[in-house]
Amino acid sequence: MIEIYLWANAVIYILFALWCTFQKNQTAKASGYLTLNNSGWSEYLVIYGGLQFGLAFFFAYLATNTELHQTGISFALMLYIPIVLYRFFTIYKFRPVRPTTLAIASMEILLLIVAIVCFTRF
């Protein structure tokens, strides 16, 4: 189950990185970025493209090394706990938010729940 979870994370991050890289105008607008100057586009692509590719590669690396599965689950918890806490706070503070934000939040909550399940079964 852990290996599948880690691979799922890798695939999700690869897909998001590709989507944000090749459809930057669409994804930026759906995420609430209305206008970006060249510096903004550079930052957007670094975070939504480069960082997500990096996370995808790291999750794939963790998935391919059985001895690192526990590390992978620990990493996922360290990643998703603060993300979900910030998500709850910001959705409450800045409501209403776009459906894209809510969909991404739902996926992050699901990834956190599965990480907790994997961690407690380890």
Protein backbone atom coordinates (compact mmCIF):
# COMPACT_ATOMS: atom_id res chain seq x y z
CA MET A 1 0.00 0.00 0.00
CA ILE A 2 2.81 2.43 0.86
CA GLU A 3 4.55 1.91 -2.48
CA ILE A 4 1.29 2.61 -4.32
CA TYR A 5 0.73 5.73 -2.23
CA LEU A 6 4.21 7.03 -2.95
CA TRP A 7 3.82 6.33 -6.68
CA ALA A 8 0.43 8.07 -6.65
CA ASN A 9 2.09 11.16 -5.19
CA ALA A 10 4.79 11.02 -7.86
CA VAL A 11 2.22 10.77 -10.65
CA ILE A 12 0.05 13.55 -9.21
CA TYR A 13 3.02 15.92 -8.94
CA ILE A 14 4.24 15.07 -12.46
CA LEU A 15 0.76 15.73 -13.87
CA PHE A 16 0.40 19.01 -11.99
CA ALA A 17 3.89 20.11 -13.01
CA LEU A 18 3.15 19.37 -16.67
CA TRP A 19 -0.27 20.98 -16.51
CA CYS A 20 1.05 24.14 -14.83
CA THR A 21 4.04 24.32 -17.17
CA PHE A 22 2.23 23.84 -20.46
CA GLN A 23 -1.08 25.49 -19.53
CA LYS A 24 0.31 28.24 -17.32
CA ASN A 25 -2.30 30.84 -18.26
CA GLN A 26 -5.20 28.47 -17.62
CA THR A 27 -3.84 27.08 -14.33
CA ALA A 28 -2.75 30.45 -13.00
CA LYS A 29 -6.18 31.95 -13.68
CA ALA A 30 -7.96 28.92 -12.16
CA SER A 31 -5.80 29.29 -9.06
CA GLY A 32 -6.70 32.95 -8.68
CA TYR A 33 -3.66 34.63 -10.22
CA LEU A 34 -5.27 37.35 -12.31
CA THR A 35 -2.22 39.17 -13.62
CA LEU A 36 1.45 38.33 -13.43
CA ASN A 37 4.42 40.27 -14.70
CA ASN A 38 7.52 38.49 -15.99
CA SER A 39 8.86 38.01 -12.45
CA GLY A 40 5.52 36.59 -11.39
CA TRP A 41 5.48 34.12 -14.29
CA SER A 42 9.03 33.08 -13.47
CA GLU A 43 8.07 32.45 -9.84
CA TYR A 44 4.85 30.68 -10.80
CA LEU A 45 6.66 28.28 -13.13
CA VAL A 46 9.48 27.64 -10.65
CA ILE A 47 7.04 26.67 -7.89
CA TYR A 48 4.22 25.09 -9.88
CA GLY A 49 6.52 23.48 -12.42
CA GLY A 50 9.99 23.01 -10.99
CA LEU A 51 9.14 22.29 -7.36
CA GLN A 52 6.37 19.90 -8.32
CA PHE A 53 8.72 18.03 -10.67
CA GLY A 54 11.19 17.82 -7.80
CA LEU A 55 8.53 16.43 -5.48
CA ALA A 56 7.48 13.93 -8.16
CA PHE A 57 11.03 12.68 -8.59
CA PHE A 58 11.54 12.42 -4.83
CA PHE A 59 8.30 10.47 -4.31
CA ALA A 60 9.26 8.16 -7.21
CA TYR A 61 12.69 7.62 -5.63
CA LEU A 62 11.06 6.81 -2.29
CA ALA A 63 8.62 4.43 -3.98
CA THR A 64 11.39 2.47 -5.72
CA ASN A 65 13.37 1.90 -2.50
CA THR A 66 11.53 -0.33 -0.06
CA GLU A 67 13.88 0.64 2.76
CA LEU A 68 12.78 4.26 2.30
CA HIS A 69 9.02 3.68 2.45
CA GLN A 70 8.80 4.73 6.10
CA THR A 71 10.82 7.84 5.28
CA GLY A 72 8.40 8.50 2.41
CA ILE A 73 5.38 8.33 4.67
CA SER A 74 7.08 10.56 7.25
CA PHE A 75 7.94 13.04 4.49
CA ALA A 76 4.35 12.99 3.23
CA LEU A 77 3.07 13.75 6.75
CA MET A 78 5.57 16.60 7.14
CA LEU A 79 4.46 17.96 3.78
CA TYR A 80 0.69 17.54 4.02
CA ILE A 81 0.03 18.42 7.67
CA PRO A 82 1.13 22.05 7.26
CA ILE A 83 -0.39 22.28 3.77
CA VAL A 84 -3.79 21.12 5.04
CA LEU A 85 -3.62 23.38 8.11
CA TYR A 86 -2.78 26.38 5.91
CA ARG A 87 -5.53 25.33 3.48
CA PHE A 88 -8.18 25.25 6.23
CA PHE A 89 -7.06 28.64 7.54
CA THR A 90 -6.85 30.33 4.15
CA ILE A 91 -10.12 28.91 2.83
CA TYR A 92 -11.85 30.18 5.95
CA LYS A 93 -10.08 33.56 5.92
CA PHE A 94 -10.46 34.27 2.21
CA ARG A 95 -13.82 32.62 1.51
CA PRO A 96 -15.34 32.29 -0.93
CA VAL A 97 -12.60 30.60 -2.95
CA ARG A 98 -12.67 29.15 -6.45
CA PRO A 99 -13.74 25.55 -7.09
CA THR A 100 -10.20 24.72 -8.25
CA THR A 101 -8.90 25.65 -4.80
CA LEU A 102 -11.50 23.45 -3.13
CA ALA A 103 -10.70 20.53 -5.46
CA ILE A 104 -6.99 20.79 -4.73
CA ALA A 105 -7.75 21.08 -1.01
CA SER A 106 -9.85 17.91 -1.17
CA MET A 107 -7.00 16.05 -2.84
CA GLU A 108 -4.51 17.29 -0.23
CA ILE A 109 -6.81 16.18 2.60
CA LEU A 110 -7.16 12.74 0.99
CA LEU A 111 -3.39 12.44 0.59
CA LEU A 112 -2.95 13.38 4.25
CA ILE A 113 -5.55 10.85 5.41
CA VAL A 114 -3.92 8.05 3.42
CA ALA A 115 -0.50 9.04 4.79
CA ILE A 116 -1.88 8.84 8.33
CA VAL A 117 -3.38 5.41 7.63
CA CYS A 118 -0.09 4.16 6.16
CA PHE A 119 1.87 5.61 9.08
CA THR A 120 -0.34 3.97 11.71
CA ARG A 121 -0.11 0.60 9.95
CA PHE A 122 3.68 0.71 9.65
